[in-house]
PDB file of N, CA and C in Angstrom:
ATOM      1  N   ALA A   1      36.096  89.490 113.806  1.00  0.00           N
ATOM      2  CA  ALA A   1      37.647  88.891 113.902  1.00  0.00           C
ATOM      3  C   ALA A   1      38.920  89.056 113.238  1.00  0.00           C
ATOM      4  N   ILE A   2      38.391  89.460 111.835  1.00  0.00           N
ATOM      5  CA  ILE A   2      39.714  89.694 110.815  1.00  0.00           C
ATOM      6  C   ILE A   2      40.068  90.855 111.603  1.00  0.00           C
ATOM      7  N   LEU A   3      39.060  92.141 111.112  1.00  0.00           N
ATOM      8  CA  LEU A   3      40.191  93.273 111.680  1.00  0.00           C
ATOM      9  C   LEU A   3      40.757  92.856 113.063  1.00  0.00           C
ATOM     10  N   ALA A   4      40.176  92.372 114.199  1.00  0.00           N
ATOM     11  CA  ALA A   4      41.309  92.179 115.251  1.00  0.00           C
ATOM     12  C   ALA A   4      42.138  91.484 114.943  1.00  0.00           C
ATOM     13  N   ALA A   5      42.521  90.529 113.852  1.00  0.00           N
ATOM     14  CA  ALA A   5      43.729  89.697 113.927  1.00  0.00           C
ATOM     15  C   ALA A   5      45.039  90.707 112.913  1.00  0.00           C
ATOM     16  N   ILE A   6      44.118  91.617 112.055  1.00  0.00           N
ATOM     17  CA  ILE A   6      45.238  92.689 111.577  1.00  0.00           C
ATOM     18  C   ILE A   6      45.574  93.666 112.271  1.00  0.00           C
ATOM     19  N   ALA A   7      44.734  94.246 113.218  1.00  0.00           N
ATOM     20  CA  ALA A   7      45.112  95.400 114.640  1.00  0.00           C
ATOM     21  C   ALA A   7      45.967  94.523 115.060  1.00  0.00           C
ATOM     22  N   ILE A   8      45.831  93.241 115.487  1.00  0.00           N
ATOM     23  CA  ILE A   8      47.271  92.528 116.667  1.00  0.00           C
ATOM     24  C   ILE A   8      48.650  92.948 116.296  1.00  0.00           C
ATOM     25  N   SER A   9      48.275  92.536 115.023  1.00  0.00           N
ATOM     26  CA  SER A   9      49.531  92.124 113.951  1.00  0.00           C
ATOM     27  C   SER A   9      50.181  93.592 113.797  1.00  0.00           C
ATOM     28  N   GLN A  10      49.459  94.594 113.685  1.00  0.00           N
ATOM     29  CA  GLN A  10      49.879  96.202 113.417  1.00  0.00           C
ATOM     30  C   GLN A  10      50.572  96.160 114.614  1.00  0.00           C
ATOM     31  N   TYR A  11      49.916  95.906 115.747  1.00  0.00           N
ATOM     32  CA  TYR A  11      50.082  96.405 117.392  1.00  0.00           C
ATOM     33  C   TYR A  11      51.605  96.253 117.325  1.00  0.00           C
ATOM     34  N   GLN A  12      51.751  94.671 117.470  1.00  0.00           N
ATOM     35  CA  GLN A  12      52.898  93.886 117.746  1.00  0.00           C
ATOM     36  C   GLN A  12      54.139  94.577 116.951  1.00  0.00           C
ATOM     37  N   ASP A  13      53.979  94.682 115.598  1.00  0.00           N
ATOM     38  CA  ASP A  13      54.811  95.442 114.752  1.00  0.00           C
ATOM     39  C   ASP A  13      55.298  96.958 115.288  1.00  0.00           C
ATOM     40  N   TYR A  14      54.119  97.188 115.584  1.00  0.00           N
ATOM     41  CA  TYR A  14      54.625  98.939 116.173  1.00  0.00           C
ATOM     42  C   TYR A  14      55.679  98.602 117.752  1.00  0.00           C
ATOM     43  N   VAL A  15      55.281  98.099 118.464  1.00  0.00           N
ATOM     44  CA  VAL A  15      56.082  97.694 119.557  1.00  0.00           C
ATOM     45  C   VAL A  15      56.926  96.884 119.354  1.00  0.00           C
ATOM     46  N   ILE A  16      57.103  96.309 118.354  1.00  0.00           N
ATOM     47  CA  ILE A  16      58.918  96.001 118.225  1.00  0.00           C
ATOM     48  C   ILE A  16      59.605  97.322 117.220  1.00  0.00           C
ATOM     49  N   ARG A  17      59.120  97.910 116.632  1.00  0.00           N
ATOM     50  CA  ARG A  17      59.727  99.321 115.616  1.00  0.00           C
ATOM     51  C   ARG A  17      60.138 100.216 117.029  1.00  0.00           C
ATOM     52  N   SER A  18      59.166 100.272 118.338  1.00  0.00           N
ATOM     53  CA  SER A  18      59.842 101.494 119.432  1.00  0.00           C
ATOM     54  C   SER A  18      60.655 100.677 119.988  1.00  0.00           C
ATOM     55  N   GLN A  19      60.940  99.185 120.335  1.00  0.00           N
ATOM     56  CA  GLN A  19      61.899  98.708 120.830  1.00  0.00           C
ATOM     57  C   GLN A  19      62.946  98.823 120.059  1.00  0.00           C
ATOM     58  N   VAL A  20      63.034  98.489 118.739  1.00  0.00           N
ATOM     59  CA  VAL A  20      64.495  98.546 117.907  1.00  0.00           C
ATOM     60  C   VAL A  20      64.927 100.416 118.076  1.00  0.00           C
ATOM     61  N   SER A  21      64.231 101.428 118.215  1.00  0.00           N
ATOM     62  CA  SER A  21      64.469 102.670 118.073  1.00  0.00           C
ATOM     63  C   SER A  21      65.345 102.743 119.293  1.00  0.00           C
ATOM     64  N   GLU A  22      65.157 102.081 120.472  1.00  0.00           N
ATOM     65  CA  GLU A  22      66.072 102.305 121.447  1.00  0.00           C
ATOM     66  C   GLU A  22      67.651 102.101 121.017  1.00  0.00           C
ATOM     67  N   GLY A  23      67.687 100.890 120.412  1.00  0.00           N
ATOM     68  CA  GLY A  23      69.100 100.813 120.115  1.00  0.00           C
ATOM     69  C   GLY A  23      69.642 101.802 119.338  1.00  0.00           C
ATOM     70  N   SER A  24      68.925 103.002 118.594  1.00  0.00           N
ATOM     71  CA  SER A  24      69.277 103.807 117.559  1.00  0.00           C
ATOM     72  C   SER A  24      69.739 104.644 118.200  1.00  0.00           C
ATOM     73  N   SER A  25      68.752 104.891 119.506  1.00  0.00           N
ATOM     74  CA  SER A  25      68.999 106.619 120.151  1.00  0.00           C
ATOM     75  C   SER A  25      70.449 106.215 121.030  1.00  0.00           C
ATOM     76  N   LEU A  26      70.467 104.956 121.557  1.00  0.00           N
ATOM     77  CA  LEU A  26      71.730 104.898 122.610  1.00  0.00           C
ATOM     78  C   LEU A  26      72.879 104.669 121.931  1.00  0.00           C
ATOM     79  N   ALA A  27      72.708 104.214 120.454  1.00  0.00           N
ATOM     80  CA  ALA A  27      73.982 104.232 119.237  1.00  0.00           C
ATOM     81  C   ALA A  27      74.535 105.865 118.887  1.00  0.00           C
ATOM     82  N   ASP A  28      73.251 106.686 119.157  1.00  0.00           N
ATOM     83  CA  ASP A  28      73.679 108.208 118.654  1.00  0.00           C
ATOM     84  C   ASP A  28      74.701 108.344 119.726  1.00  0.00           C
ATOM     85  N   GLY A  29      74.435 108.582 120.888  1.00  0.00           N
ATOM     86  CA  GLY A  29      75.713 109.150 121.807  1.00  0.00           C
ATOM     87  C   GLY A  29      76.977 108.601 121.757  1.00  0.00           C
ATOM     88  N   VAL A  30      77.006 107.391 121.369  1.00  0.00           N
ATOM     89  CA  VAL A  30      78.248 106.789 120.946  1.00  0.00           C
ATOM     90  C   VAL A  30      78.767 107.250 119.772  1.00  0.00           C
ATOM     91  N   LYS A  31      78.395 107.528 118.866  1.00  0.00           N
ATOM     92  CA  LYS A  31      78.695 108.060 117.217  1.00  0.00           C
ATOM     93  C   LYS A  31      79.410 109.253 117.663  1.00  0.00           C
ATOM     94  N   THR A  32      78.568 110.046 119.102  1.00  0.00           N
ATOM     95  CA  THR A  32      79.224 111.449 119.131  1.00  0.00           C
ATOM     96  C   THR A  32      80.795 111.014 119.673  1.00  0.00           C
ATOM     97  N   ALA A  33      80.574 110.213 120.943  1.00  0.00           N
ATOM     98  CA  ALA A  33      81.684 110.146 121.552  1.00  0.00           C
ATOM     99  C   ALA A  33      83.362 109.568 120.450  1.00  0.00           C
ATOM    100  N   ILE A  34      82.640 108.628 119.788  1.00  0.00           N
ATOM    101  CA  ILE A  34      83.670 107.962 118.508  1.00  0.00           C
ATOM    102  C   ILE A  34      84.229 109.045 117.760  1.00  0.00           C
ATOM    103  N   GLY A  35      82.837 109.608 117.275  1.00  0.00           N
ATOM    104  CA  GLY A  35      83.549 111.324 115.989  1.00  0.00           C
ATOM    105  C   GLY A  35      84.749 112.009 116.714  1.00  0.00           C
ATOM    106  N   GLU A  36      84.479 112.115 117.985  1.00  0.00           N
ATOM    107  CA  GLU A  36      85.479 113.261 118.985  1.00  0.00           C
ATOM    108  C   GLU A  36      86.661 112.196 118.666  1.00  0.00           C
ATOM    109  N   PHE A  37      86.795 111.451 118.923  1.00  0.00           N
ATOM    110  CA  PHE A  37      88.080 110.247 119.468  1.00  0.00           C
ATOM    111  C   PHE A  37      88.663 110.424 118.067  1.00  0.00           C
ATOM    112  N   VAL A  38      87.917 110.214 116.671  1.00  0.00           N
ATOM    113  CA  VAL A  38      88.798 109.883 115.421  1.00  0.00           C
ATOM    114  C   VAL A  38      89.132 111.086 115.021  1.00  0.00           C
ATOM    115  N   ASN A  39      88.331 112.183 115.177  1.00  0.00           N
ATOM    116  CA  ASN A  39      89.354 113.554 114.969  1.00  0.00           C
ATOM    117  C   ASN A  39      90.361 114.098 115.837  1.00  0.00           C
ATOM    118  N   ASN A  40      90.151 113.782 116.707  1.00  0.00           N
ATOM    119  CA  ASN A  40      91.236 114.199 118.008  1.00  0.00           C
ATOM    120  C   ASN A  40      92.705 113.212 117.450  1.00  0.00           C
ATOM    121  N   ARG A  41      92.098 111.764 116.838  1.00  0.00           N
ATOM    122  CA  ARG A  41      93.574 110.753 117.046  1.00  0.00           C
ATOM    123  C   ARG A  41      93.569 110.518 115.974  1.00  0.00           C
ATOM    124  N   GLY A  42      92.621 110.407 114.787  1.00  0.00           N
ATOM    125  CA  GLY A  42      92.897 109.944 113.511  1.00  0.00           C
ATOM    126  C   GLY A  42      92.330 108.762 113.042  1.00  0.00           C
ATOM    127  N   TYR A  43      92.101 108.029 114.146  1.00  0.00           N
ATOM    128  CA  TYR A  43      91.778 106.238 114.252  1.00  0.00           C
ATOM    129  C   TYR A  43      90.540 105.887 114.948  1.00  0.00           C
ATOM    130  N   PHE A  44      89.987 104.688 115.049  1.00  0.00           N
ATOM    131  CA  PHE A  44      89.237 104.260 115.666  1.00  0.00           C
ATOM    132  C   PHE A  44      89.205 103.573 117.048  1.00  0.00           C
ATOM    133  N   PRO A  45      88.858 103.812 117.909  1.00  0.00           N
ATOM    134  CA  PRO A  45      89.081 103.546 119.457  1.00  0.00           C
ATOM    135  C   PRO A  45      88.885 101.544 119.287  1.00  0.00           C
ATOM    136  N   ALA A  46      89.702 100.712 119.859  1.00  0.00           N
ATOM    137  CA  ALA A  46      89.895  99.605 120.164  1.00  0.00           C
ATOM    138  C   ALA A  46      88.745  98.911 121.114  1.00  0.00           C
ATOM    139  N   ALA A  47      87.976  99.840 121.833  1.00  0.00           N
ATOM    140  CA  ALA A  47      86.894  99.429 122.848  1.00  0.00           C
ATOM    141  C   ALA A  47      86.362 100.807 123.472  1.00  0.00           C
ATOM    142  N   ASN A  48      84.891 100.276 124.004  1.00  0.00           N
ATOM    143  CA  ASN A  48      84.678 101.622 124.743  1.00  0.00           C
ATOM    144  C   ASN A  48      85.384 102.520 125.435  1.00  0.00           C
ATOM    145  N   SER A  49      86.296 101.684 126.088  1.00  0.00           N
ATOM    146  CA  SER A  49      86.874 102.750 127.070  1.00  0.00           C
ATOM    147  C   SER A  49      87.935 103.433 126.478  1.00  0.00           C
ATOM    148  N   SER A  50      88.673 102.950 125.443  1.00  0.00           N
ATOM    149  CA  SER A  50      89.285 103.728 124.718  1.00  0.00           C
ATOM    150  C   SER A  50      88.678 105.168 124.493  1.00  0.00           C
ATOM    151  N   ALA A  51      87.540 105.135 123.919  1.00  0.00           N
ATOM    152  CA  ALA A  51      86.570 106.257 123.469  1.00  0.00           C
ATOM    153  C   ALA A  51      86.197 106.932 124.827  1.00  0.00           C
ATOM    154  N   GLY A  52      86.128 106.528 125.744  1.00  0.00           N
ATOM    155  CA  GLY A  52      85.951 107.528 127.202  1.00  0.00           C
ATOM    156  C   GLY A  52      84.561 106.811 127.482  1.00  0.00           C
ATOM    157  N   LEU A  53      83.853 105.800 126.743  1.00  0.00           N
ATOM    158  CA  LEU A  53      82.513 105.575 126.940  1.00  0.00           C
ATOM    159  C   LEU A  53      82.596 104.162 127.986  1.00  0.00           C
ATOM    160  N   ALA A  54      81.347 104.226 128.757  1.00  0.00           N
ATOM    161  CA  ALA A  54      81.174 102.969 129.971  1.00  0.00           C
ATOM    162  C   ALA A  54      81.518 101.791 128.975  1.00  0.00           C
ATOM    163  N   ALA A  55      81.701 100.811 130.006  1.00  0.00           N
ATOM    164  CA  ALA A  55      81.623  99.038 128.935  1.00  0.00           C
ATOM    165  C   ALA A  55      80.178  99.138 128.588  1.00  0.00           C
ATOM    166  N   SER A  56      80.732  98.379 127.651  1.00  0.00           N
ATOM    167  CA  SER A  56      79.225  97.928 126.567  1.00  0.00           C
ATOM    168  C   SER A  56      78.346  97.735 127.071  1.00  0.00           C
ATOM    169  N   ALA A  57      78.127  97.030 128.707  1.00  0.00           N
ATOM    170  CA  ALA A  57      77.346  95.969 129.197  1.00  0.00           C
ATOM    171  C   ALA A  57      76.405  97.531 130.118  1.00  0.00           C
ATOM    172  N   SER A  58      77.326  98.425 130.221  1.00  0.00           N
ATOM    173  CA  SER A  58      76.707  99.606 131.196  1.00  0.00           C
ATOM    174  C   SER A  58      75.965 100.246 130.496  1.00  0.00           C
ATOM    175  N   ILE A  59      76.050 100.883 128.651  1.00  0.00           N
ATOM    176  CA  ILE A  59      75.184 100.909 128.140  1.00  0.00           C
ATOM    177  C   ILE A  59      74.047 100.369 127.295  1.00  0.00           C
ATOM    178  N   LYS A  60      72.649 100.546 128.196  1.00  0.00           N
ATOM    179  CA  LYS A  60      71.839  99.335 128.238  1.00  0.00           C
ATOM    180  C   LYS A  60      70.265 100.355 128.324  1.00  0.00           C
ATOM    181  N   GLY A  61      69.377  99.536 127.855  1.00  0.00           N
ATOM    182  CA  GLY A  61      68.104 100.131 128.150  1.00  0.00           C
ATOM    183  C   GLY A  61      67.265  99.138 128.469  1.00  0.00           C
ATOM    184  N   GLU A  62      66.166  99.222 128.260  1.00  0.00           N
ATOM    185  CA  GLU A  62      64.850  98.028 128.651  1.00  0.00           C
ATOM    186  C   GLU A  62      64.959  96.815 127.293  1.00  0.00           C
ATOM    187  N   TYR A  63      65.383  97.379 126.321  1.00  0.00           N
ATOM    188  CA  TYR A  63      65.558  95.966 125.024  1.00  0.00           C
ATOM    189  C   TYR A  63      66.881  95.685 124.544  1.00  0.00           C
ATOM    190  N   VAL A  64      67.563  97.126 124.448  1.00  0.00           N
ATOM    191  CA  VAL A  64      69.051  96.933 124.163  1.00  0.00           C
ATOM    192  C   VAL A  64      70.170  96.659 125.850  1.00  0.00           C
ATOM    193  N   GLY A  65      70.503  95.270 125.715  1.00  0.00           N
ATOM    194  CA  GLY A  65      71.162  94.602 126.703  1.00  0.00           C
ATOM    195  C   GLY A  65      73.096  95.393 126.415  1.00  0.00           C
ATOM    196  N   ASP A  66      73.129  95.860 125.249  1.00  0.00           N
ATOM    197  CA  ASP A  66      74.792  96.414 125.258  1.00  0.00           C
ATOM    198  C   ASP A  66      75.253  97.205 123.868  1.00  0.00           C
ATOM    199  N   VAL A  67      76.045  98.060 124.441  1.00  0.00           N
ATOM    200  CA  VAL A  67      76.190  98.592 122.901  1.00  0.00           C
ATOM    201  C   VAL A  67      77.732  98.732 122.714  1.00  0.00           C
ATOM    202  N   ASN A  68      78.207  97.790 121.896  1.00  0.00           N
ATOM    203  CA  ASN A  68      79.556  98.041 121.751  1.00  0.00           C
ATOM    204  C   ASN A  68      80.809  98.574 120.601  1.00  0.00           C
ATOM    205  N   VAL A  69      81.612  99.374 120.707  1.00  0.00           N
ATOM    206  CA  VAL A  69      82.485  99.444 119.612  1.00  0.00           C
ATOM    207  C   VAL A  69      83.200  98.997 119.596  1.00  0.00           C
ATOM    208  N   GLY A  70      84.016  97.962 120.094  1.00  0.00           N
ATOM    209  CA  GLY A  70      85.173  97.096 119.854  1.00  0.00           C
ATOM    210  C   GLY A  70      85.509  95.969 119.205  1.00  0.00           C
ATOM    211  N   THR A  71      84.243  95.312 118.825  1.00  0.00           N
ATOM    212  CA  THR A  71      84.165  94.170 118.153  1.00  0.00           C
ATOM    213  C   THR A  71      84.794  94.014 116.664  1.00  0.00           C
ATOM    214  N   THR A  72      84.344  95.021 115.939  1.00  0.00           N
ATOM    215  CA  THR A  72      84.882  95.407 114.482  1.00  0.00           C
ATOM    216  C   THR A  72      84.995  96.700 114.536  1.00  0.00           C
ATOM    217  N   THR A  73      86.280  96.858 114.088  1.00  0.00           N
ATOM    218  CA  THR A  73      86.497  98.452 113.843  1.00  0.00           C
ATOM    219  C   THR A  73      85.832  99.078 112.924  1.00  0.00           C
ATOM    220  N   GLY A  74      85.353 100.373 113.769  1.00  0.00           N
ATOM    221  CA  GLY A  74      84.752 101.223 112.590  1.00  0.00           C
ATOM    222  C   GLY A  74      83.005 101.065 112.927  1.00  0.00           C
ATOM    223  N   VAL A  75      82.811 100.014 113.925  1.00  0.00           N
ATOM    224  CA  VAL A  75      81.515  99.957 113.851  1.00  0.00           C
ATOM    225  C   VAL A  75      80.811  99.683 115.039  1.00  0.00           C
ATOM    226  N   ILE A  76      79.816 100.392 115.408  1.00  0.00           N
ATOM    227  CA  ILE A  76      79.088  99.921 116.644  1.00  0.00           C
ATOM    228  C   ILE A  76      78.139  99.334 116.721  1.00  0.00           C
ATOM    229  N   ILE A  77      77.995  98.432 117.416  1.00  0.00           N
ATOM    230  CA  ILE A  77      76.671  97.289 117.784  1.00  0.00           C
ATOM    231  C   ILE A  77      75.957  97.281 118.865  1.00  0.00           C
ATOM    232  N   ALA A  78      74.782  97.558 118.415  1.00  0.00           N
ATOM    233  CA  ALA A  78      73.933  97.474 119.521  1.00  0.00           C
ATOM    234  C   ALA A  78      73.204  95.968 119.203  1.00  0.00           C
ATOM    235  N   THR A  79      72.746  95.360 120.828  1.00  0.00           N
ATOM    236  CA  THR A  79      72.571  94.332 120.799  1.00  0.00           C
ATOM    237  C   THR A  79      70.977  93.760 121.621  1.00  0.00           C
ATOM    238  N   TYR A  80      69.979  93.645 120.883  1.00  0.00           N
ATOM    239  CA  TYR A  80      68.815  93.434 121.858  1.00  0.00           C
ATOM    240  C   TYR A  80      68.647  92.188 122.686  1.00  0.00           C
ATOM    241  N   ASN A  81      68.745  92.514 123.631  1.00  0.00           N
ATOM    242  CA  ASN A  81      69.093  91.104 124.782  1.00  0.00           C
ATOM    243  C   ASN A  81      68.818  91.864 126.044  1.00  0.00           C
ATOM    244  N   GLY A  82      68.377  92.561 126.389  1.00  0.00           N
ATOM    245  CA  GLY A  82      67.253  93.578 127.580  1.00  0.00           C
ATOM    246  C   GLY A  82      66.283  92.806 127.927  1.00  0.00           C
ATOM    247  N   GLY A  83      66.126  92.713 129.143  1.00  0.00           N
ATOM    248  CA  GLY A  83      65.158  91.667 129.845  1.00  0.00           C
ATOM    249  C   GLY A  83      63.443  91.893 129.533  1.00  0.00           C
ATOM    250  N   LYS A  84      63.451  93.010 128.801  1.00  0.00           N
ATOM    251  CA  LYS A  84      61.978  93.424 127.974  1.00  0.00           C
ATOM    252  C   LYS A  84      62.031  93.280 126.695  1.00  0.00           C
ATOM    253  N   ALA A  85      62.955  92.830 125.781  1.00  0.00           N
ATOM    254  CA  ALA A  85      63.054  93.037 124.382  1.00  0.00           C
ATOM    255  C   ALA A  85      62.015  91.794 123.860  1.00  0.00           C
ATOM    256  N   ASN A  86      61.695  92.062 123.020  1.00  0.00           N
ATOM    257  CA  ASN A  86      60.077  91.139 122.416  1.00  0.00           C
ATOM    258  C   ASN A  86      61.249  89.885 121.419  1.00  0.00           C
ATOM    259  N   ALA A  87      60.450  89.047 121.955  1.00  0.00           N
ATOM    260  CA  ALA A  87      61.376  87.369 121.298  1.00  0.00           C
ATOM    261  C   ALA A  87      61.729  87.540 119.935  1.00  0.00           C
ATOM    262  N   ASN A  88      60.943  88.039 118.875  1.00  0.00           N
ATOM    263  CA  ASN A  88      61.531  88.456 117.514  1.00  0.00           C
ATOM    264  C   ASN A  88      63.127  89.520 117.896  1.00  0.00           C
ATOM    265  N   LEU A  89      63.309  90.013 118.843  1.00  0.00           N
ATOM    266  CA  LEU A  89      64.646  90.625 118.910  1.00  0.00           C
ATOM    267  C   LEU A  89      65.596  90.214 119.625  1.00  0.00           C
ATOM    268  N   LYS A  90      65.462  88.892 120.649  1.00  0.00           N
ATOM    269  CA  LYS A  90      66.548  88.746 121.130  1.00  0.00           C
ATOM    270  C   LYS A  90      67.848  88.170 121.030  1.00  0.00           C
ATOM    271  N   SER A  91      68.992  88.656 120.980  1.00  0.00           N
ATOM    272  CA  SER A  91      70.369  88.363 120.747  1.00  0.00           C
ATOM    273  C   SER A  91      70.782  89.065 119.216  1.00  0.00           C
ATOM    274  N   THR A  92      69.771  90.137 118.872  1.00  0.00           N
ATOM    275  CA  THR A  92      69.750  90.543 117.536  1.00  0.00           C
ATOM    276  C   THR A  92      70.418  91.806 117.154  1.00  0.00           C
ATOM    277  N   PRO A  93      71.438  91.954 116.737  1.00  0.00           N
ATOM    278  CA  PRO A  93      72.349  93.059 116.533  1.00  0.00           C
ATOM    279  C   PRO A  93      71.773  94.228 115.734  1.00  0.00           C
ATOM    280  N   LEU A  94      71.853  95.422 115.933  1.00  0.00           N
ATOM    281  CA  LEU A  94      71.866  96.837 114.947  1.00  0.00           C
ATOM    282  C   LEU A  94      72.786  96.999 114.806  1.00  0.00           C
ATOM    283  N   THR A  95      73.877  97.504 113.454  1.00  0.00           N
ATOM    284  CA  THR A  95      74.719  97.998 113.594  1.00  0.00           C
ATOM    285  C   THR A  95      75.032  99.421 112.765  1.00  0.00           C
ATOM    286  N   LEU A  96      75.785 100.118 113.020  1.00  0.00           N
ATOM    287  CA  LEU A  96      75.980 101.456 112.667  1.00  0.00           C
ATOM    288  C   LEU A  96      77.544 101.219 111.945  1.00  0.00           C
ATOM    289  N   SER A  97      77.670 101.314 110.872  1.00  0.00           N
ATOM    290  CA  SER A  97      79.051 101.135 110.749  1.00  0.00           C
ATOM    291  C   SER A  97      79.794 102.415 109.685  1.00  0.00           C
ATOM    292  N   PHE A  98      80.508 102.821 109.964  1.00  0.00           N
ATOM    293  CA  PHE A  98      81.232 104.286 109.547  1.00  0.00           C
ATOM    294  C   PHE A  98      81.521 104.059 107.924  1.00  0.00           C
ATOM    295  N   SER A  99      81.454 104.688 107.454  1.00  0.00           N
ATOM    296  CA  SER A  99      81.277 105.082 105.887  1.00  0.00           C
ATOM    297  C   SER A  99      82.725 105.825 105.754  1.00  0.00           C
ATOM    298  N   ALA A 100      83.297 105.575 104.480  1.00  0.00           N
ATOM    299  CA  ALA A 100      84.744 106.261 104.539  1.00  0.00           C
ATOM    300  C   ALA A 100      84.505 107.767 104.030  1.00  0.00           C
ATOM    301  N   VAL A 101      83.536 108.069 104.076  1.00  0.00           N
ATOM    302  CA  VAL A 101      83.014 109.558 103.599  1.00  0.00           C
ATOM    303  C   VAL A 101      83.030 110.425 104.644  1.00  0.00           C
ATOM    304  N   ARG A 102      83.880 111.211 104.819  1.00  0.00           N
ATOM    305  CA  ARG A 102      83.769 112.504 105.885  1.00  0.00           C
ATOM    306  C   ARG A 102      83.499 113.881 105.606  1.00  0.00           C
ATOM    307  N   ASN A 103      82.217 114.426 106.208  1.00  0.00           N
ATOM    308  CA  ASN A 103      81.950 115.468 105.531  1.00  0.00           C
ATOM    309  C   ASN A 103      82.275 116.953 106.843  1.00  0.00           C
ATOM    310  N   SER A 104      83.097 117.454 106.419  1.00  0.00           N
ATOM    311  CA  SER A 104      83.425 118.539 107.048  1.00  0.00           C
ATOM    312  C   SER A 104      84.385 118.499 108.467  1.00  0.00           C
ATOM    313  N   GLY A 105      84.831 117.110 108.485  1.00  0.00           N
ATOM    314  CA  GLY A 105      85.287 116.226 109.907  1.00  0.00           C
ATOM    315  C   GLY A 105      84.275 115.793 110.435  1.00  0.00           C
ATOM    316  N   SER A 106      83.223 115.360 109.782  1.00  0.00           N
ATOM    317  CA  SER A 106      82.092 114.714 110.512  1.00  0.00           C
ATOM    318  C   SER A 106      82.357 113.310 109.626  1.00  0.00           C
ATOM    319  N   LEU A 107      81.672 112.266 110.709  1.00  0.00           N
ATOM    320  CA  LEU A 107      81.796 111.170 110.361  1.00  0.00           C
ATOM    321  C   LEU A 107      80.167 110.522 109.694  1.00  0.00           C
ATOM    322  N   GLU A 108      80.047 109.761 108.676  1.00  0.00           N
ATOM    323  CA  GLU A 108      78.827 109.452 107.965  1.00  0.00           C
ATOM    324  C   GLU A 108      78.679 107.727 108.320  1.00  0.00           C
ATOM    325  N   TRP A 109      77.698 107.581 109.009  1.00  0.00           N
ATOM    326  CA  TRP A 109      77.115 105.813 109.716  1.00  0.00           C
ATOM    327  C   TRP A 109      76.342 105.542 108.727  1.00  0.00           C
ATOM    328  N   HIS A 110      76.077 104.419 108.994  1.00  0.00           N
ATOM    329  CA  HIS A 110      75.007 103.737 107.547  1.00  0.00           C
ATOM    330  C   HIS A 110      74.692 102.445 108.672  1.00  0.00           C
ATOM    331  N   CYS A 111      73.216 102.720 109.272  1.00  0.00           N
ATOM    332  CA  CYS A 111      72.629 101.228 109.980  1.00  0.00           C
ATOM    333  C   CYS A 111      72.302 100.297 109.036  1.00  0.00           C
ATOM    334  N   LYS A 112      72.581  99.162 109.589  1.00  0.00           N
ATOM    335  CA  LYS A 112      71.817  97.840 109.051  1.00  0.00           C
ATOM    336  C   LYS A 112      71.664  96.819 109.962  1.00  0.00           C
ATOM    337  N   SER A 113      70.988  95.876 109.727  1.00  0.00           N
ATOM    338  CA  SER A 113      70.722  94.725 110.503  1.00  0.00           C
ATOM    339  C   SER A 113      70.436  93.221 109.122  1.00  0.00           C
ATOM    340  N   ALA A 114      70.846  92.111 109.580  1.00  0.00           N
ATOM    341  CA  ALA A 114      70.401  91.114 108.555  1.00  0.00           C
ATOM    342  C   ALA A 114      69.593  90.205 109.344  1.00  0.00           C
ATOM    343  N   ASN A 115      69.690  90.734 110.891  1.00  0.00           N
ATOM    344  CA  ASN A 115      68.372  89.754 111.434  1.00  0.00           C
ATOM    345  C   ASN A 115      66.922  90.726 111.333  1.00  0.00           C
ATOM    346  N   LEU A 116      67.162  91.889 111.158  1.00  0.00           N
ATOM    347  CA  LEU A 116      65.436  92.603 111.725  1.00  0.00           C
ATOM    348  C   LEU A 116      65.138  92.552 110.251  1.00  0.00           C
ATOM    349  N   LYS A 117      63.410  92.387 110.296  1.00  0.00           N
ATOM    350  CA  LYS A 117      62.692  92.893 109.113  1.00  0.00           C
ATOM    351  C   LYS A 117      62.778  94.331 108.885  1.00  0.00           C
ATOM    352  N   GLN A 118      62.810  94.810 107.717  1.00  0.00           N
ATOM    353  CA  GLN A 118      62.451  96.530 107.360  1.00  0.00           C
ATOM    354  C   GLN A 118      61.529  96.820 107.722  1.00  0.00           C
ATOM    355  N   LYS A 119      60.105  96.380 108.231  1.00  0.00           N
ATOM    356  CA  LYS A 119      59.250  96.664 108.723  1.00  0.00           C
ATOM    357  C   LYS A 119      59.587  97.286 110.123  1.00  0.00           C
ATOM    358  N   TRP A 120      60.450  96.621 110.876  1.00  0.00           N
ATOM    359  CA  TRP A 120      61.092  97.038 112.074  1.00  0.00           C
ATOM    360  C   TRP A 120      61.953  98.104 112.513  1.00  0.00           C
ATOM    361  N   CYS A 121      62.671  98.114 111.345  1.00  0.00           N
ATOM    362  CA  CYS A 121      63.813  99.471 111.586  1.00  0.00           C
ATOM    363  C   CYS A 121      63.320 100.831 110.971  1.00  0.00           C
ATOM    364  N   PRO A 122      64.284 101.136 111.811  1.00  0.00           N
ATOM    365  CA  PRO A 122      64.450 102.884 111.433  1.00  0.00           C
ATOM    366  C   PRO A 122      64.285 103.245 110.251  1.00  0.00           C
ATOM    367  N   SER A 123      63.740 104.111 109.693  1.00  0.00           N
ATOM    368  CA  SER A 123      63.999 104.333 108.328  1.00  0.00           C
ATOM    369  C   SER A 123      65.036 104.452 107.531  1.00  0.00           C
ATOM    370  N   SER A 124      66.234 104.934 108.537  1.00  0.00           N
ATOM    371  CA  SER A 124      67.459 105.277 108.374  1.00  0.00           C
ATOM    372  C   SER A 124      68.184 104.105 107.603  1.00  0.00           C
ATOM    373  N   CYS A 125      67.680 102.825 108.424  1.00  0.00           N
ATOM    374  CA  CYS A 125      68.647 101.597 108.428  1.00  0.00           C
ATOM    375  C   CYS A 125      67.763 100.863 106.854  1.00  0.00           C
ATOM    376  N   THR A 126      68.815  99.465 106.679  1.00  0.00           N
ATOM    377  CA  THR A 126      68.564  98.654 105.712  1.00  0.00           C
ATOM    378  C   THR A 126      68.936  97.477 106.817  1.00  0.00           C
ATOM    379  N   CYS A 127      67.435  97.140 106.563  1.00  0.00           N
ATOM    380  CA  CYS A 127      67.512  95.590 107.173  1.00  0.00           C
ATOM    381  C   CYS A 127      66.856  94.449 106.317  1.00  0.00           C
ATOM    382  N   THR A 128      67.451  93.303 106.202  1.00  0.00           N
ATOM    383  CA  THR A 128      67.052  92.155 105.077  1.00  0.00           C
ATOM    384  C   THR A 128      66.514  90.829 106.021  1.00  0.00           C
ATOM    385  N   GLY A 129      66.373  91.210 107.389  1.00  0.00           N
ATOM    386  CA  GLY A 129      66.079  89.566 108.143  1.00  0.00           C
ATOM    387  C   GLY A 129      64.818  89.175 107.700  1.00  0.00           C
TER     388      GLY A 129
END
């Protein structure tokens, strides 16, 4: 019984981590579009449409309900409000913030979430929830 309790807890963490990874994956495509926009124009887009992206609610998956670039300049926000998202993830944002450092014309991004636990986050993210 003790082993089963431990195994169930570990499995739930694994499932949540896999759901969180969807936000990171969807944001990767958005990072590319923003990088091209910034390199061509010298500033960040004010909305998804400015960067040639679909509307935020159209960039979604099973766990992520939208990916937005216009809420805060230089920040991509993936929100876990998709229909199949774990209850621990509902309405939780994962943000990728632009760093002022540019390497050979590329942008450096930092992933973070104040709401997600570190054990659920991708290894490249800082989560403090």
